[in-house]
Amino acid sequence: MTKTAPSTQDKPREITSVTVLGARITWVAWGPMVLAFTTLGIVSRGNGWLTGLDLFFAAVVGSMILGRWVEQRSGAATTLDGEPATPRHYTRYVRLLLSAALVVWIIANVLGNHILM
């Protein structure tokens, strides 16, 4: 069985822009890490449902979506497995991120404001 080489159209372009690199780092590494620490802050402080930390949480989620969008628009977007990303990947990412972030935010606030008071 012989393998055929993938065409150049199947490969994403290399990231050559600092902006696109920053966008990728935002949605892959920086964003999730900051969300984890922000969630811990929401749980440990328990100051209410719409505090500065809650707004910061939302801003980080928004920056992750924006980062993914910038990378997608650049033509250099890949999945975490290194495969070329499609607009469908972006849509799925946004849906999953928003759903997961909402659940995590609600649980963090319930824990911080009602259970661990």
C-alpha atoms as a PDB file:
ATOM      1  CA  MET A   1       0.000   0.000   0.000  1.00  0.00           C
ATOM      2  CA  THR A   2       1.476   3.340  -0.958  1.00  0.00           C
ATOM      3  CA  LYS A   3       0.741   6.596   0.694  1.00  0.00           C
ATOM      4  CA  THR A   4       0.070   9.602  -1.406  1.00  0.00           C
ATOM      5  CA  ALA A   5       1.518  12.865  -0.279  1.00  0.00           C
ATOM      6  CA  PRO A   6      -1.084  15.352   0.919  1.00  0.00           C
ATOM      7  CA  SER A   7      -1.617  18.268  -1.378  1.00  0.00           C
ATOM      8  CA  THR A   8      -0.505  21.705  -0.284  1.00  0.00           C
ATOM      9  CA  GLN A   9      -4.149  22.730  -0.095  1.00  0.00           C
ATOM     10  CA  ASP A  10      -4.703  20.167   2.674  1.00  0.00           C
ATOM     11  CA  LYS A  11      -1.975  21.729   4.806  1.00  0.00           C
ATOM     12  CA  PRO A  12      -2.493  24.915   6.776  1.00  0.00           C
ATOM     13  CA  ARG A  13      -0.088  27.751   6.163  1.00  0.00           C
ATOM     14  CA  GLU A  14       2.674  28.269   8.701  1.00  0.00           C
ATOM     15  CA  ILE A  15       2.108  30.919  11.339  1.00  0.00           C
ATOM     16  CA  THR A  16       4.238  33.874  10.294  1.00  0.00           C
ATOM     17  CA  SER A  17       2.481  36.624  12.231  1.00  0.00           C
ATOM     18  CA  VAL A  18       3.045  37.477  15.880  1.00  0.00           C
ATOM     19  CA  THR A  19      -0.659  38.340  16.099  1.00  0.00           C
ATOM     20  CA  VAL A  20      -1.721  34.886  14.915  1.00  0.00           C
ATOM     21  CA  LEU A  21       0.811  33.226  17.217  1.00  0.00           C
ATOM     22  CA  GLY A  22      -0.542  35.257  20.143  1.00  0.00           C
ATOM     23  CA  ALA A  23      -4.087  34.298  19.156  1.00  0.00           C
ATOM     24  CA  ARG A  24      -3.174  30.612  19.140  1.00  0.00           C
ATOM     25  CA  ILE A  25      -1.407  30.851  22.492  1.00  0.00           C
ATOM     26  CA  THR A  26      -4.478  32.624  23.887  1.00  0.00           C
ATOM     27  CA  TRP A  27      -7.002  29.927  23.049  1.00  0.00           C
ATOM     28  CA  VAL A  28      -4.698  26.936  23.566  1.00  0.00           C
ATOM     29  CA  ALA A  29      -2.708  27.795  26.708  1.00  0.00           C
ATOM     30  CA  TRP A  30      -3.100  31.218  28.264  1.00  0.00           C
ATOM     31  CA  GLY A  31      -6.905  31.293  28.274  1.00  0.00           C
ATOM     32  CA  PRO A  32      -7.524  27.912  29.909  1.00  0.00           C
ATOM     33  CA  MET A  33      -4.821  28.567  32.514  1.00  0.00           C
ATOM     34  CA  VAL A  34      -6.224  31.980  33.419  1.00  0.00           C
ATOM     35  CA  LEU A  35      -9.763  30.556  33.531  1.00  0.00           C
ATOM     36  CA  ALA A  36      -8.629  27.906  36.006  1.00  0.00           C
ATOM     37  CA  PHE A  37      -7.088  30.490  38.347  1.00  0.00           C
ATOM     38  CA  THR A  38     -10.085  32.813  37.959  1.00  0.00           C
ATOM     39  CA  THR A  39     -12.444  29.942  38.791  1.00  0.00           C
ATOM     40  CA  LEU A  40     -10.443  29.236  41.934  1.00  0.00           C
ATOM     41  CA  GLY A  41     -10.737  32.905  42.850  1.00  0.00           C
ATOM     42  CA  ILE A  42     -14.507  32.874  42.358  1.00  0.00           C
ATOM     43  CA  VAL A  43     -14.827  29.788  44.561  1.00  0.00           C
ATOM     44  CA  SER A  44     -12.522  31.044  47.302  1.00  0.00           C
ATOM     45  CA  ARG A  45     -13.905  34.585  47.551  1.00  0.00           C
ATOM     46  CA  GLY A  46     -17.628  33.946  47.171  1.00  0.00           C
ATOM     47  CA  ASN A  47     -18.509  37.662  46.988  1.00  0.00           C
ATOM     48  CA  GLY A  48     -21.645  37.304  44.867  1.00  0.00           C
ATOM     49  CA  TRP A  49     -22.657  36.365  41.362  1.00  0.00           C
ATOM     50  CA  LEU A  50     -21.566  39.374  39.322  1.00  0.00           C
ATOM     51  CA  THR A  51     -18.252  40.516  40.724  1.00  0.00           C
ATOM     52  CA  GLY A  52     -15.150  41.745  38.998  1.00  0.00           C
ATOM     53  CA  LEU A  53     -13.834  38.177  38.853  1.00  0.00           C
ATOM     54  CA  ASP A  54     -17.007  37.048  37.088  1.00  0.00           C
ATOM     55  CA  LEU A  55     -16.619  39.799  34.500  1.00  0.00           C
ATOM     56  CA  PHE A  56     -12.948  38.909  34.097  1.00  0.00           C
ATOM     57  CA  PHE A  57     -13.966  35.261  33.590  1.00  0.00           C
ATOM     58  CA  ALA A  58     -16.309  36.346  30.782  1.00  0.00           C
ATOM     59  CA  ALA A  59     -13.596  38.542  29.240  1.00  0.00           C
ATOM     60  CA  VAL A  60     -11.142  35.633  29.167  1.00  0.00           C
ATOM     61  CA  VAL A  61     -13.728  33.394  27.496  1.00  0.00           C
ATOM     62  CA  GLY A  62     -14.304  36.155  24.956  1.00  0.00           C
ATOM     63  CA  SER A  63     -10.567  36.507  24.317  1.00  0.00           C
ATOM     64  CA  MET A  64     -10.286  32.761  23.738  1.00  0.00           C
ATOM     65  CA  ILE A  65     -13.083  32.906  21.154  1.00  0.00           C
ATOM     66  CA  LEU A  66     -11.461  35.938  19.529  1.00  0.00           C
ATOM     67  CA  GLY A  67      -8.078  34.183  19.489  1.00  0.00           C
ATOM     68  CA  ARG A  68      -9.550  31.144  17.776  1.00  0.00           C
ATOM     69  CA  TRP A  69     -11.334  33.402  15.266  1.00  0.00           C
ATOM     70  CA  VAL A  70      -8.135  35.337  14.441  1.00  0.00           C
ATOM     71  CA  GLU A  71      -6.258  32.097  13.864  1.00  0.00           C
ATOM     72  CA  GLN A  72      -9.103  30.704  11.747  1.00  0.00           C
ATOM     73  CA  ARG A  73      -9.184  33.815   9.559  1.00  0.00           C
ATOM     74  CA  SER A  74      -5.410  33.688   9.039  1.00  0.00           C
ATOM     75  CA  GLY A  75      -5.506  30.454   7.057  1.00  0.00           C
ATOM     76  CA  ALA A  76      -2.957  28.940   9.446  1.00  0.00           C
ATOM     77  CA  ALA A  77      -5.508  27.407  11.810  1.00  0.00           C
ATOM     78  CA  THR A  78      -4.966  23.873  12.989  1.00  0.00           C
ATOM     79  CA  THR A  79      -6.652  21.604  15.445  1.00  0.00           C
ATOM     80  CA  LEU A  80      -4.757  20.573  18.559  1.00  0.00           C
ATOM     81  CA  ASP A  81      -3.788  17.425  16.618  1.00  0.00           C
ATOM     82  CA  GLY A  82      -2.111  19.522  13.913  1.00  0.00           C
ATOM     83  CA  GLU A  83      -4.764  18.935  11.274  1.00  0.00           C
ATOM     84  CA  PRO A  84      -6.070  21.889   9.240  1.00  0.00           C
ATOM     85  CA  ALA A  85      -8.993  23.521  11.023  1.00  0.00           C
ATOM     86  CA  THR A  86     -12.211  24.323   9.213  1.00  0.00           C
ATOM     87  CA  PRO A  87     -14.956  26.806  10.031  1.00  0.00           C
ATOM     88  CA  ARG A  88     -16.865  23.844  11.425  1.00  0.00           C
ATOM     89  CA  HIS A  89     -14.072  23.297  13.964  1.00  0.00           C
ATOM     90  CA  TYR A  90     -14.375  26.944  14.994  1.00  0.00           C
ATOM     91  CA  THR A  91     -18.147  26.716  15.433  1.00  0.00           C
ATOM     92  CA  ARG A  92     -17.823  23.540  17.485  1.00  0.00           C
ATOM     93  CA  TYR A  93     -15.105  25.142  19.629  1.00  0.00           C
ATOM     94  CA  VAL A  94     -17.276  28.182  20.364  1.00  0.00           C
ATOM     95  CA  ARG A  95     -20.300  26.072  21.275  1.00  0.00           C
ATOM     96  CA  LEU A  96     -18.326  23.755  23.542  1.00  0.00           C
ATOM     97  CA  LEU A  97     -16.362  26.564  25.182  1.00  0.00           C
ATOM     98  CA  LEU A  98     -19.463  28.648  25.915  1.00  0.00           C
ATOM     99  CA  SER A  99     -21.331  25.627  27.284  1.00  0.00           C
ATOM    100  CA  ALA A 100     -18.440  24.444  29.450  1.00  0.00           C
ATOM    101  CA  ALA A 101     -17.614  27.958  30.660  1.00  0.00           C
ATOM    102  CA  LEU A 102     -21.219  28.572  31.693  1.00  0.00           C
ATOM    103  CA  VAL A 103     -21.366  25.307  33.652  1.00  0.00           C
ATOM    104  CA  VAL A 104     -18.001  25.964  35.333  1.00  0.00           C
ATOM    105  CA  TRP A 105     -19.001  29.547  36.188  1.00  0.00           C
ATOM    106  CA  ILE A 106     -22.319  28.453  37.729  1.00  0.00           C
ATOM    107  CA  ILE A 107     -20.676  25.663  39.761  1.00  0.00           C
ATOM    108  CA  ALA A 108     -17.920  28.018  40.955  1.00  0.00           C
ATOM    109  CA  ASN A 109     -20.466  30.581  42.104  1.00  0.00           C
ATOM    110  CA  VAL A 110     -22.689  28.014  43.796  1.00  0.00           C
ATOM    111  CA  LEU A 111     -19.662  26.602  45.640  1.00  0.00           C
ATOM    112  CA  GLY A 112     -18.245  29.975  46.576  1.00  0.00           C
ATOM    113  CA  ASN A 113     -21.459  31.784  47.441  1.00  0.00           C
ATOM    114  CA  HIS A 114     -23.625  29.053  48.939  1.00  0.00           C
ATOM    115  CA  ILE A 115     -21.775  25.873  49.887  1.00  0.00           C
ATOM    116  CA  LEU A 116     -18.302  26.903  51.070  1.00  0.00           C
ATOM    117  CA  MET A 117     -19.313  30.230  52.628  1.00  0.00           C
END
